[in-house]
Amino acid sequence: MKYYEIKDVDLAGRIAKLRTAHGVLETPYLFPVIDPTRQEVKLDFLKEHGLNAFITNAYLFYRRNKGMIRSIHQSLDWNNIIMTDSGGYQVLIYGDVEIDNKTIVNYQRCIGSDIAVILDKPTGSHMDKQEAIKSIEETFRRAVEALPIIQDSDALWVLPIQGAPYKDLVIYSSVRAWRYPYHIHALGSPTVLLEKYEYSRLVELVALARIHLPPNKPLHVFGVGHPMIIPFLVALGADLFDSASYILYARDGRYMVSGGTKRIEELSYFPCSCPVCSKHTPQELYEMNSYNRIKLLALHNMYKLIEEINRVKQAIKEGRLWEYLESRSKEHPSLRSAFEVIKKYLWYIEKHTPYSKASIRALLLYDYDSIYNPKLRLYRKNVLKYVVKTSERILLLPAISKPYKEQAFVEKALKYMSFGYEEVFFYNPFLGVIPWGLTEIYPVFQHEEPKILSSDTRFCDKMYDSIQELISRTGAKEILIVTVDDCWWCECFTGLILKRLLERDVKVSILRA
């Protein structure tokens, strides 16, 4: 049975089907952490809101049942997917658990877990490097130890990737993981980074793990449960998450928003219209008894997580995940730092980015960050590849408004072709150089850009790079650049580029249209 099937892709983010013994899970997915003995958000809520899976702790289930084998689905009255953790979190917090790897692996198999985790040895964030190496080696020893137990199991088995926060150790663990026949890989120990809003470090670790792990297997990131960071990790190829943040934040009086968390007593209005926020005011929640307040805050937080996963999926479907990251990166300084890390791995993201989809949607370009949109970068890389050395005299026209060939000044400018200019190109701060015959292709025609741009000279640098390539490919010796008075970037271009072109021994003339 093919247990993991990718259905749609944008950037390195995937929408996929994960098949288990109790149903199919659509990724990206966040498993709510469920504690059956203390659960303010009931399982019925999950069903009602399309959540068909949760994660619970097999080690605690084992202790509460004194090692007795009981169907976890029957015990929890849940006929859908259950993922179980082995007690690795308790190891991370307390240093050890009163059970060994073989026992808890066999127990998860016997109770009918759909997705199960070996008892790994988390590296945490306080270990020195030598201790972290020992944890990695112990985790892989246990992975080998578990193989005879899980080989004919119906569950999907998870191999944790340890080594964080040491980047080289995460790479080492990820490369070594190729040797083992596990279904899912999971990056461990990010909790401290999340608590400190060190999202850039977490993004880097996820990128390194994903790049070095088998691409056809899903990647789980343990302990991630905030809408702030989820889209950035999905964009790099993370598929699964789990967290108890929705209830832990609620118990601490914290209310999730897309760009962070707020204390309930600090709010005058709810920036949300979920069933909780539309029926209550912040003051009403604050004045409630503790049990009701925690329950309602937890429900809101869960709504927010569900909403974020759905937003990310829709962005993938529409091919707008980059635009979504741009927007989110401006909501908090920590997200801005995470976005800068994303740019470091564009070479990887571009390998997985579809240039366009069956239903083409216009690229939305906002500011200089949009230059890094992988779809735009792919266009800029490829557009001049087939230009040959046939034109020594080139006419360059500004691409201000679409359709570019029908701009008011174009007809007048084309008369200069009679002066011996052999070929016509357009230029644009986002798109760079555009051959005359490609003005109606994607994304030249299918994009939206701001009418007024700040005078950021980085755009001119990018345009100059495109002109340099054009000169190299055509062998141009003379260029006539057309400018328009009410276009600021025309002035920027001619002012900064003119000097650079003259330094290349290229004759440049300026024509004001």
Protein backbone atom coordinates (compact mmCIF):
# COMPACT_ATOMS: atom_id res chain seq x y z
CA MET A 1 0.00 0.00 0.00
CA LYS A 2 1.31 3.43 -0.90
CA TYR A 3 0.92 5.16 2.44
CA TYR A 4 1.99 8.69 1.41
CA GLU A 5 0.80 10.33 -1.79
CA ILE A 6 1.53 13.95 -2.72
CA LYS A 7 -1.45 15.67 -4.36
CA ASP A 8 -0.35 19.29 -4.71
CA VAL A 9 2.82 21.33 -4.25
CA ASP A 10 3.85 24.96 -3.88
CA LEU A 11 7.35 26.00 -2.89
CA ALA A 12 8.49 22.86 -1.02
CA GLY A 13 5.13 22.63 0.76
CA ARG A 14 2.93 19.64 -0.02
CA ILE A 15 -0.72 18.69 0.30
CA ALA A 16 -0.67 14.92 0.59
CA LYS A 17 -2.67 11.88 1.66
CA LEU A 18 -1.25 9.86 4.56
CA ARG A 19 -2.97 6.46 4.75
CA THR A 20 -3.26 4.69 8.10
CA ALA A 21 -5.15 1.70 9.48
CA HIS A 22 -7.97 3.97 10.68
CA GLY A 23 -8.30 6.35 7.78
CA VAL A 24 -6.60 8.91 5.60
CA LEU A 25 -4.98 12.05 6.91
CA GLU A 26 -4.51 15.11 4.70
CA THR A 27 -1.28 16.96 5.31
CA PRO A 28 -0.23 19.57 6.36
CA TYR A 29 -1.81 18.51 9.64
CA LEU A 30 -1.44 19.46 13.27
CA PHE A 31 -2.16 16.72 15.82
CA PRO A 32 -3.78 18.19 18.94
CA VAL A 33 -2.18 16.66 22.02
CA ILE A 34 -4.93 14.92 23.99
CA ASP A 35 -4.76 13.95 27.66
CA PRO A 36 -7.90 11.84 28.24
CA THR A 37 -7.84 12.44 32.00
CA ARG A 38 -7.74 16.22 31.71
CA GLN A 39 -9.26 17.37 28.47
CA GLU A 40 -11.15 20.67 28.24
CA VAL A 41 -11.54 20.35 24.44
CA LYS A 42 -13.61 17.22 23.92
CA LEU A 43 -12.99 14.73 21.12
CA ASP A 44 -16.41 15.55 19.66
CA PHE A 45 -15.10 19.04 18.91
CA LEU A 46 -12.32 17.54 16.82
CA LYS A 47 -14.79 15.47 14.80
CA GLU A 48 -17.12 18.41 14.26
CA HIS A 49 -14.29 20.51 12.86
CA GLY A 50 -12.81 18.01 10.47
CA LEU A 51 -9.93 16.86 12.66
CA ASN A 52 -9.70 13.10 12.25
CA ALA A 53 -6.52 12.50 14.25
CA PHE A 54 -4.86 13.43 17.52
CA ILE A 55 -1.74 12.42 19.43
CA THR A 56 -1.69 11.03 22.95
CA ASN A 57 1.00 9.60 25.19
CA ALA A 58 1.42 5.82 25.06
CA TYR A 59 3.73 5.88 28.09
CA LEU A 60 1.04 7.52 30.25
CA PHE A 61 -1.58 5.15 28.78
CA TYR A 62 0.69 2.25 29.77
CA ARG A 63 1.07 3.53 33.32
CA ARG A 64 -2.63 4.20 33.82
CA ASN A 65 -3.47 0.71 32.61
CA LYS A 66 -0.57 -0.84 34.57
CA GLY A 67 0.80 -2.35 31.37
CA MET A 68 -2.47 -4.08 30.46
CA ILE A 69 -3.13 -4.35 26.72
CA ARG A 70 -6.27 -2.45 25.81
CA SER A 71 -7.39 -1.11 22.46
CA ILE A 72 -6.59 2.58 22.56
CA HIS A 73 -9.40 3.30 20.09
CA GLN A 74 -12.00 1.60 22.25
CA SER A 75 -10.64 3.10 25.45
CA LEU A 76 -10.87 6.62 24.06
CA ASP A 77 -14.04 5.97 22.02
CA TRP A 78 -12.39 7.16 18.82
CA ASN A 79 -12.71 5.38 15.49
CA ASN A 80 -10.33 7.60 13.56
CA ILE A 81 -6.55 8.02 13.59
CA ILE A 82 -4.55 8.00 16.81
CA MET A 83 -0.85 8.84 16.94
CA THR A 84 1.00 7.88 20.11
CA ASP A 85 4.22 9.26 21.51
CA SER A 86 6.46 6.85 23.37
CA GLY A 87 7.43 9.02 26.31
CA GLY A 88 10.20 10.93 24.59
CA TYR A 89 8.78 14.21 25.89
CA GLN A 90 9.00 12.89 29.46
CA VAL A 91 12.61 11.88 28.76
CA LEU A 92 13.30 15.42 27.56
CA ILE A 93 11.75 16.96 30.69
CA TYR A 94 12.70 14.46 33.40
CA GLY A 95 15.75 12.75 31.90
CA ASP A 96 14.28 9.23 31.80
CA VAL A 97 11.13 7.11 32.08
CA GLU A 98 10.42 3.86 33.90
CA ILE A 99 10.12 1.81 30.74
CA ASP A 100 12.46 0.56 28.04
CA ASN A 101 12.28 1.05 24.29
CA LYS A 102 11.30 -2.54 23.35
CA THR A 103 8.46 -2.59 25.89
CA ILE A 104 6.85 0.69 24.81
CA VAL A 105 7.30 -0.06 21.09
CA ASN A 106 5.61 -3.45 21.52
CA TYR A 107 2.89 -1.85 23.67
CA GLN A 108 2.06 0.73 20.97
CA ARG A 109 1.81 -2.07 18.45
CA CYS A 110 -0.51 -4.12 20.67
CA ILE A 111 -2.88 -1.28 21.61
CA GLY A 112 -3.41 -0.45 17.92
CA SER A 113 -1.69 2.90 17.45
CA ASP A 114 -2.02 4.13 13.86
CA ILE A 115 1.18 6.21 14.00
CA ALA A 116 3.74 5.35 16.65
CA VAL A 117 7.13 6.59 17.81
CA ILE A 118 10.10 4.67 19.16
CA LEU A 119 11.44 5.72 22.56
CA ASP A 120 14.09 8.14 21.38
CA LYS A 121 16.66 10.02 23.41
CA PRO A 122 16.00 13.73 22.79
CA THR A 123 19.01 16.02 22.67
CA GLY A 124 17.22 18.98 24.20
CA SER A 125 18.77 22.44 24.21
CA HIS A 126 21.05 22.23 27.24
CA MET A 127 23.27 19.33 26.17
CA ASP A 128 26.80 19.99 25.06
CA LYS A 129 27.80 18.57 21.71
CA GLN A 130 29.30 15.34 23.04
CA GLU A 131 26.16 14.60 25.02
CA ALA A 132 24.07 15.35 21.93
CA ILE A 133 26.13 12.87 19.89
CA LYS A 134 25.52 10.20 22.53
CA SER A 135 21.77 10.90 22.35
CA ILE A 136 21.82 10.51 18.58
CA GLU A 137 23.68 7.22 18.77
CA GLU A 138 21.29 5.91 21.42
CA THR A 139 18.27 6.91 19.34
CA PHE A 140 19.62 5.02 16.33
CA ARG A 141 20.50 2.02 18.51
CA ARG A 142 16.89 1.93 19.66
CA ALA A 143 15.69 2.35 16.06
CA VAL A 144 17.56 -0.84 15.13
CA GLU A 145 16.35 -2.58 18.28
CA ALA A 146 12.72 -1.86 17.38
CA LEU A 147 12.87 -3.21 13.81
CA PRO A 148 12.02 -6.87 14.61
CA ILE A 149 8.98 -5.70 16.61
CA ILE A 150 7.54 -3.28 14.03
CA GLN A 151 8.34 -5.08 10.77
CA ASP A 152 4.86 -6.63 10.34
CA SER A 153 2.96 -3.94 12.26
CA ASP A 154 -0.06 -2.14 10.77
CA ALA A 155 1.14 1.16 12.23
CA LEU A 156 3.22 3.84 10.55
CA TRP A 157 6.43 4.15 12.56
CA VAL A 158 8.26 7.39 13.29
CA LEU A 159 12.03 7.76 13.49
CA PRO A 160 12.99 10.91 15.44
CA ILE A 161 15.81 13.05 14.05
CA GLN A 162 17.89 14.32 16.94
CA GLY A 163 20.82 16.72 17.11
CA ALA A 164 19.12 20.08 17.59
CA PRO A 165 20.26 22.75 18.20
CA TYR A 166 23.50 21.66 16.48
CA LYS A 167 23.05 22.06 12.74
CA ASP A 168 25.77 19.63 11.72
CA LEU A 169 24.30 16.96 13.97
CA VAL A 170 20.84 17.42 12.47
CA ILE A 171 22.42 16.92 9.03
CA TYR A 172 24.26 13.83 10.27
CA SER A 173 21.07 12.33 11.75
CA SER A 174 19.06 13.10 8.61
CA VAL A 175 21.58 11.50 6.27
CA ARG A 176 21.90 8.44 8.48
CA ALA A 177 18.09 8.06 8.62
CA TRP A 178 18.08 6.88 4.98
CA ARG A 179 19.35 3.49 6.19
CA TYR A 180 16.27 2.67 8.27
CA PRO A 181 12.85 1.54 6.94
CA TYR A 182 10.70 3.98 8.93
CA HIS A 183 7.61 5.61 7.42
CA ILE A 184 7.87 9.09 8.93
CA HIS A 185 10.75 11.20 10.20
CA ALA A 186 10.32 13.69 13.03
CA LEU A 187 12.58 16.55 14.03
CA GLY A 188 12.90 16.58 17.79
CA SER A 189 13.56 19.08 20.57
CA PRO A 190 12.38 22.43 19.13
CA THR A 191 10.33 23.42 22.20
CA VAL A 192 12.81 25.86 23.74
CA LEU A 193 13.32 27.62 20.40
CA LEU A 194 9.55 28.08 20.12
CA GLU A 195 9.19 29.42 23.62
CA LYS A 196 11.90 32.02 22.98
CA TYR A 197 10.48 32.99 19.56
CA GLU A 198 13.77 31.88 17.98
CA TYR A 199 11.93 30.99 14.81
CA SER A 200 14.87 31.65 12.51
CA ARG A 201 16.89 28.90 14.20
CA LEU A 202 13.97 26.49 14.02
CA VAL A 203 13.40 27.26 10.33
CA GLU A 204 17.07 26.56 9.62
CA LEU A 205 16.97 23.22 11.43
CA VAL A 206 13.83 22.16 9.57
CA ALA A 207 15.40 23.20 6.26
CA LEU A 208 18.54 21.19 6.94
CA ALA A 209 16.56 18.12 8.01
CA ARG A 210 14.22 18.26 5.05
CA ILE A 211 17.02 18.74 2.51
CA HIS A 212 18.91 15.69 3.78
CA LEU A 213 15.97 13.33 4.46
CA PRO A 214 14.22 11.11 1.88
CA PRO A 215 11.90 13.47 -0.03
CA ASN A 216 9.16 10.85 -0.45
CA LYS A 217 8.56 10.51 3.30
CA PRO A 218 6.65 12.98 5.48
CA LEU A 219 8.45 15.15 8.02
CA HIS A 220 6.90 15.72 11.45
CA VAL A 221 8.13 18.57 13.68
CA PHE A 222 7.53 17.80 17.33
CA GLY A 223 5.98 20.43 19.58
CA VAL A 224 5.07 23.06 16.96
CA GLY A 225 1.67 24.53 17.69
CA HIS A 226 1.48 28.22 16.90
CA PRO A 227 -0.02 29.78 13.77
CA MET A 228 2.93 32.18 13.54
CA ILE A 229 5.51 29.66 12.40
CA ILE A 230 3.49 26.92 10.68
CA PRO A 231 3.45 28.43 7.14
CA PHE A 232 7.23 28.95 7.15
CA LEU A 233 7.89 25.33 8.10
CA VAL A 234 5.37 24.02 5.57
CA ALA A 235 7.07 26.09 2.85
CA LEU A 236 10.28 24.14 3.53
CA GLY A 237 8.55 20.76 3.37
CA ALA A 238 7.34 20.04 6.92
CA ASP A 239 4.13 18.01 6.77
CA LEU A 240 3.03 17.19 10.31
CA PHE A 241 3.03 18.97 13.66
CA ASP A 242 1.75 18.32 17.17
CA SER A 243 1.18 20.51 20.16
CA ALA A 244 -0.69 21.03 23.40
CA SER A 245 -0.23 24.79 23.01
CA TYR A 246 -3.95 25.40 22.55
CA ILE A 247 -4.68 24.20 26.10
CA LEU A 248 -1.41 25.21 27.76
CA TYR A 249 -1.83 28.79 26.54
CA ALA A 250 -5.44 28.79 27.71
CA ARG A 251 -4.47 27.68 31.21
CA ASP A 252 -2.05 30.61 31.29
CA GLY A 253 -4.72 33.07 30.09
CA ARG A 254 -3.13 33.47 26.64
CA TYR A 255 -5.13 34.08 23.47
CA MET A 256 -3.65 33.12 20.08
CA VAL A 257 -3.52 35.56 17.19
CA SER A 258 -1.80 35.02 13.86
CA GLY A 259 1.14 37.19 14.86
CA GLY A 260 1.64 36.07 18.46
CA THR A 261 -0.29 35.69 21.69
CA LYS A 262 -2.08 38.19 23.91
CA ARG A 263 -3.15 37.96 27.51
CA ILE A 264 -6.89 37.97 27.84
CA GLU A 265 -6.85 40.86 30.34
CA GLU A 266 -5.02 43.05 27.80
CA LEU A 267 -7.73 42.78 25.15
CA SER A 268 -10.57 45.23 24.71
CA TYR A 269 -11.85 43.58 21.53
CA PHE A 270 -11.46 40.15 19.99
CA PRO A 271 -9.77 40.29 16.53
CA CYS A 272 -11.56 37.08 15.59
CA SER A 273 -15.08 35.94 14.69
CA CYS A 274 -14.89 32.28 15.73
CA PRO A 275 -17.87 30.99 17.77
CA VAL A 276 -16.10 31.83 21.02
CA CYS A 277 -15.11 35.38 20.08
CA SER A 278 -18.41 36.22 18.37
CA LYS A 279 -20.42 35.31 21.49
CA HIS A 280 -18.26 36.80 24.23
CA THR A 281 -16.23 39.88 25.01
CA PRO A 282 -12.72 39.77 26.47
CA GLN A 283 -14.10 41.19 29.70
CA GLU A 284 -16.69 38.41 29.95
CA LEU A 285 -14.05 35.73 29.50
CA TYR A 286 -11.74 37.37 32.01
CA GLU A 287 -14.47 37.47 34.66
CA MET A 288 -15.56 33.85 34.17
CA ASN A 289 -14.63 31.10 36.56
CA SER A 290 -11.32 29.44 35.75
CA TYR A 291 -12.74 26.24 34.22
CA ASN A 292 -15.03 28.00 31.72
CA ARG A 293 -12.43 30.60 30.80
CA ILE A 294 -9.80 27.93 30.10
CA LYS A 295 -12.26 25.87 28.05
CA LEU A 296 -13.32 28.81 25.88
CA LEU A 297 -9.77 30.08 25.39
CA ALA A 298 -8.67 26.57 24.42
CA LEU A 299 -11.50 26.37 21.89
CA HIS A 300 -10.51 29.72 20.37
CA ASN A 301 -6.87 28.64 20.19
CA MET A 302 -7.90 25.43 18.47
CA TYR A 303 -10.01 27.38 15.98
CA LYS A 304 -6.99 29.55 15.25
CA LEU A 305 -4.77 26.54 14.57
CA ILE A 306 -7.38 24.94 12.31
CA GLU A 307 -7.76 28.24 10.46
CA GLU A 308 -4.00 28.54 9.92
CA ILE A 309 -3.63 25.03 8.53
CA ASN A 310 -6.52 25.70 6.15
CA ARG A 311 -5.02 29.03 5.06
CA VAL A 312 -1.73 27.34 4.28
CA LYS A 313 -3.45 24.58 2.30
CA GLN A 314 -5.43 27.11 0.30
CA ALA A 315 -2.25 29.07 -0.42
CA ILE A 316 -0.65 25.87 -1.73
CA LYS A 317 -3.68 25.12 -3.91
CA GLU A 318 -3.61 28.63 -5.38
CA GLY A 319 0.16 28.72 -5.79
CA ARG A 320 0.36 31.70 -3.42
CA LEU A 321 2.39 30.32 -0.54
CA TRP A 322 5.25 32.77 -1.18
CA GLU A 323 2.88 35.73 -1.16
CA TYR A 324 1.45 34.39 2.10
CA LEU A 325 4.92 34.21 3.65
CA GLU A 326 5.63 37.77 2.55
CA SER A 327 2.49 38.97 4.29
CA ARG A 328 3.10 36.99 7.46
CA SER A 329 6.75 38.04 7.67
CA LYS A 330 5.65 41.58 8.43
CA GLU A 331 3.58 40.63 11.49
CA HIS A 332 6.44 40.11 13.95
CA PRO A 333 10.23 40.68 13.97
CA SER A 334 10.84 36.98 14.69
CA LEU A 335 8.89 36.07 11.56
CA ARG A 336 10.93 38.56 9.57
CA SER A 337 14.07 36.77 10.71
CA ALA A 338 12.53 33.42 9.76
CA PHE A 339 11.69 34.80 6.32
CA GLU A 340 15.31 35.82 5.79
CA VAL A 341 16.35 32.24 6.52
CA ILE A 342 13.81 31.01 3.96
CA LYS A 343 15.63 33.13 1.36
CA LYS A 344 18.86 31.25 2.12
CA TYR A 345 17.24 28.04 0.92
CA LEU A 346 15.63 29.30 -2.26
CA TRP A 347 17.89 27.00 -4.27
CA TYR A 348 16.14 24.07 -2.59
CA ILE A 349 12.66 25.55 -2.70
CA GLU A 350 12.97 26.33 -6.42
CA LYS A 351 13.67 22.67 -7.19
CA HIS A 352 10.21 21.80 -5.88
CA THR A 353 8.26 24.87 -7.01
CA PRO A 354 5.92 24.32 -9.95
CA TYR A 355 6.38 27.19 -12.39
CA SER A 356 2.64 27.41 -12.91
CA LYS A 357 -0.48 25.36 -12.24
CA ALA A 358 -3.42 24.22 -14.34
CA SER A 359 -5.39 27.18 -13.05
CA ILE A 360 -2.99 30.10 -13.49
CA ARG A 361 -3.30 32.93 -10.99
CA ALA A 362 -1.52 36.23 -11.28
CA LEU A 363 1.60 36.72 -9.18
CA LEU A 364 1.05 39.36 -6.51
CA LEU A 365 4.13 41.56 -6.21
CA TYR A 366 4.37 43.95 -3.28
CA ASP A 367 7.90 45.18 -2.65
CA TYR A 368 11.49 44.04 -2.93
CA ASP A 369 10.73 40.79 -1.10
CA SER A 370 8.68 39.77 -4.13
CA ILE A 371 11.89 39.66 -6.19
CA TYR A 372 12.64 36.43 -4.31
CA ASN A 373 9.37 34.77 -5.26
CA PRO A 374 10.60 31.47 -6.74
CA LYS A 375 8.19 31.69 -9.67
CA LEU A 376 9.52 35.14 -10.54
CA ARG A 377 13.12 33.99 -10.05
CA LEU A 378 12.57 31.04 -12.38
CA TYR A 379 11.21 33.40 -15.04
CA ARG A 380 14.16 35.77 -14.70
CA LYS A 381 16.63 32.89 -14.89
CA ASN A 382 15.12 31.42 -18.03
CA VAL A 383 13.73 34.33 -20.04
CA LEU A 384 16.98 35.24 -21.84
CA LYS A 385 18.36 31.74 -22.33
CA TYR A 386 17.26 31.56 -25.93
CA VAL A 387 18.29 35.07 -26.97
CA VAL A 388 21.09 34.76 -29.54
CA LYS A 389 23.84 37.11 -30.73
CA THR A 390 22.03 38.80 -33.58
CA SER A 391 21.36 42.31 -32.29
CA GLU A 392 24.06 44.92 -31.86
CA ARG A 393 21.55 47.80 -31.53
CA ILE A 394 18.72 47.36 -29.01
CA LEU A 395 15.67 49.45 -28.14
CA LEU A 396 14.60 49.24 -24.48
CA LEU A 397 11.06 50.31 -23.55
CA PRO A 398 9.67 50.61 -20.00
CA ALA A 399 7.02 48.04 -19.04
CA ILE A 400 4.74 50.23 -16.96
CA SER A 401 1.19 49.10 -17.67
CA LYS A 402 -0.22 45.98 -19.35
CA PRO A 403 -0.56 45.14 -22.13
CA TYR A 404 2.93 46.47 -22.64
CA LYS A 405 2.78 46.62 -26.44
CA GLU A 406 -0.25 48.93 -26.25
CA GLN A 407 1.29 51.59 -23.97
CA ALA A 408 0.78 55.06 -25.43
CA PHE A 409 4.47 55.76 -26.08
CA VAL A 410 5.29 52.43 -27.77
CA GLU A 411 4.15 53.34 -31.28
CA LYS A 412 6.21 56.54 -31.27
CA ALA A 413 9.27 54.75 -29.87
CA LEU A 414 9.10 52.02 -32.50
CA LYS A 415 9.73 54.58 -35.22
CA TYR A 416 13.34 54.54 -34.09
CA MET A 417 13.63 51.05 -35.55
CA SER A 418 14.13 52.85 -38.87
CA PHE A 419 17.38 54.22 -37.40
CA GLY A 420 18.80 50.72 -37.36
CA TYR A 421 17.74 49.38 -33.97
CA GLU A 422 17.36 45.68 -34.61
CA GLU A 423 15.44 44.31 -31.65
CA VAL A 424 13.01 45.57 -29.00
CA PHE A 425 12.89 44.60 -25.33
CA PHE A 426 10.91 45.90 -22.36
CA TYR A 427 12.35 46.47 -18.91
CA ASN A 428 10.63 46.37 -15.52
CA PRO A 429 11.94 46.55 -11.93
CA PHE A 430 10.35 43.20 -10.96
CA LEU A 431 10.55 41.29 -14.22
CA GLY A 432 13.86 42.58 -15.51
CA VAL A 433 14.21 42.33 -19.31
CA ILE A 434 11.22 41.11 -21.34
CA PRO A 435 11.61 40.11 -25.01
CA TRP A 436 9.02 41.69 -27.30
CA GLY A 437 7.48 38.34 -28.18
CA LEU A 438 7.00 37.20 -24.58
CA THR A 439 4.82 39.97 -23.21
CA GLU A 440 1.75 37.74 -22.99
CA ILE A 441 3.32 34.73 -21.28
CA TYR A 442 3.18 33.87 -17.56
CA PRO A 443 4.06 35.75 -15.39
CA VAL A 444 4.78 38.79 -17.60
CA PHE A 445 1.11 39.38 -18.28
CA GLN A 446 -0.26 37.51 -15.25
CA HIS A 447 0.99 39.60 -12.36
CA GLU A 448 0.00 42.63 -10.31
CA GLU A 449 2.53 45.14 -9.03
CA PRO A 450 2.21 48.41 -7.10
CA LYS A 451 1.84 51.58 -9.13
CA ILE A 452 4.24 53.52 -6.94
CA LEU A 453 7.41 51.97 -5.55
CA SER A 454 9.78 53.46 -3.03
CA SER A 455 13.05 54.51 -4.63
CA ASP A 456 14.88 51.37 -3.59
CA THR A 457 18.09 51.16 -5.61
CA ARG A 458 18.11 47.38 -5.19
CA PHE A 459 15.54 47.24 -8.00
CA CYS A 460 17.98 49.08 -10.22
CA ASP A 461 20.69 46.59 -9.30
CA LYS A 462 18.43 43.75 -10.40
CA MET A 463 17.53 45.53 -13.64
CA TYR A 464 21.18 46.13 -14.34
CA ASP A 465 21.89 42.42 -13.86
CA SER A 466 19.25 41.66 -16.50
CA ILE A 467 20.67 44.24 -18.90
CA GLN A 468 24.17 42.81 -18.44
CA GLU A 469 22.93 39.37 -19.39
CA LEU A 470 21.06 40.80 -22.38
CA ILE A 471 24.22 42.52 -23.61
CA SER A 472 26.25 39.35 -23.16
CA ARG A 473 23.75 37.23 -25.06
CA THR A 474 23.07 39.65 -27.92
CA GLY A 475 26.50 41.21 -28.27
CA ALA A 476 24.82 44.64 -28.18
CA LYS A 477 27.06 47.66 -28.78
CA GLU A 478 24.39 50.36 -28.65
CA ILE A 479 21.20 50.72 -26.57
CA LEU A 480 18.44 53.31 -26.81
CA ILE A 481 16.55 53.52 -23.51
CA VAL A 482 13.08 55.06 -23.56
CA THR A 483 11.89 56.73 -20.35
CA VAL A 484 8.56 58.22 -19.25
CA ASP A 485 8.36 61.31 -17.06
CA ASP A 486 5.77 60.05 -14.56
CA CYS A 487 7.56 56.76 -13.92
CA TRP A 488 10.00 57.06 -11.03
CA TRP A 489 11.86 53.85 -11.73
CA CYS A 490 12.55 54.97 -15.28
CA GLU A 491 14.49 57.88 -13.81
CA CYS A 492 16.17 55.61 -11.27
CA PHE A 493 17.10 53.15 -13.98
CA THR A 494 18.55 55.67 -16.40
CA GLY A 495 20.37 57.56 -13.66
CA LEU A 496 22.11 54.59 -12.04
CA ILE A 497 22.36 52.21 -14.96
CA LEU A 498 23.64 54.68 -17.54
CA LYS A 499 27.01 55.11 -15.84
CA ARG A 500 27.44 51.36 -15.41
CA LEU A 501 26.65 50.64 -19.05
CA LEU A 502 29.08 53.29 -20.24
CA GLU A 503 31.78 51.59 -18.18
CA ARG A 504 31.15 48.48 -20.30
CA ASP A 505 31.97 50.41 -23.47
CA VAL A 506 28.35 50.29 -24.60
CA LYS A 507 26.88 53.34 -26.33
CA VAL A 508 23.74 54.42 -24.49
CA SER A 509 21.17 57.00 -25.59
CA ILE A 510 18.14 58.24 -23.66
CA LEU A 511 14.78 59.07 -25.25
CA ARG A 512 12.04 60.75 -23.22
CA ALA A 513 8.66 59.61 -24.51
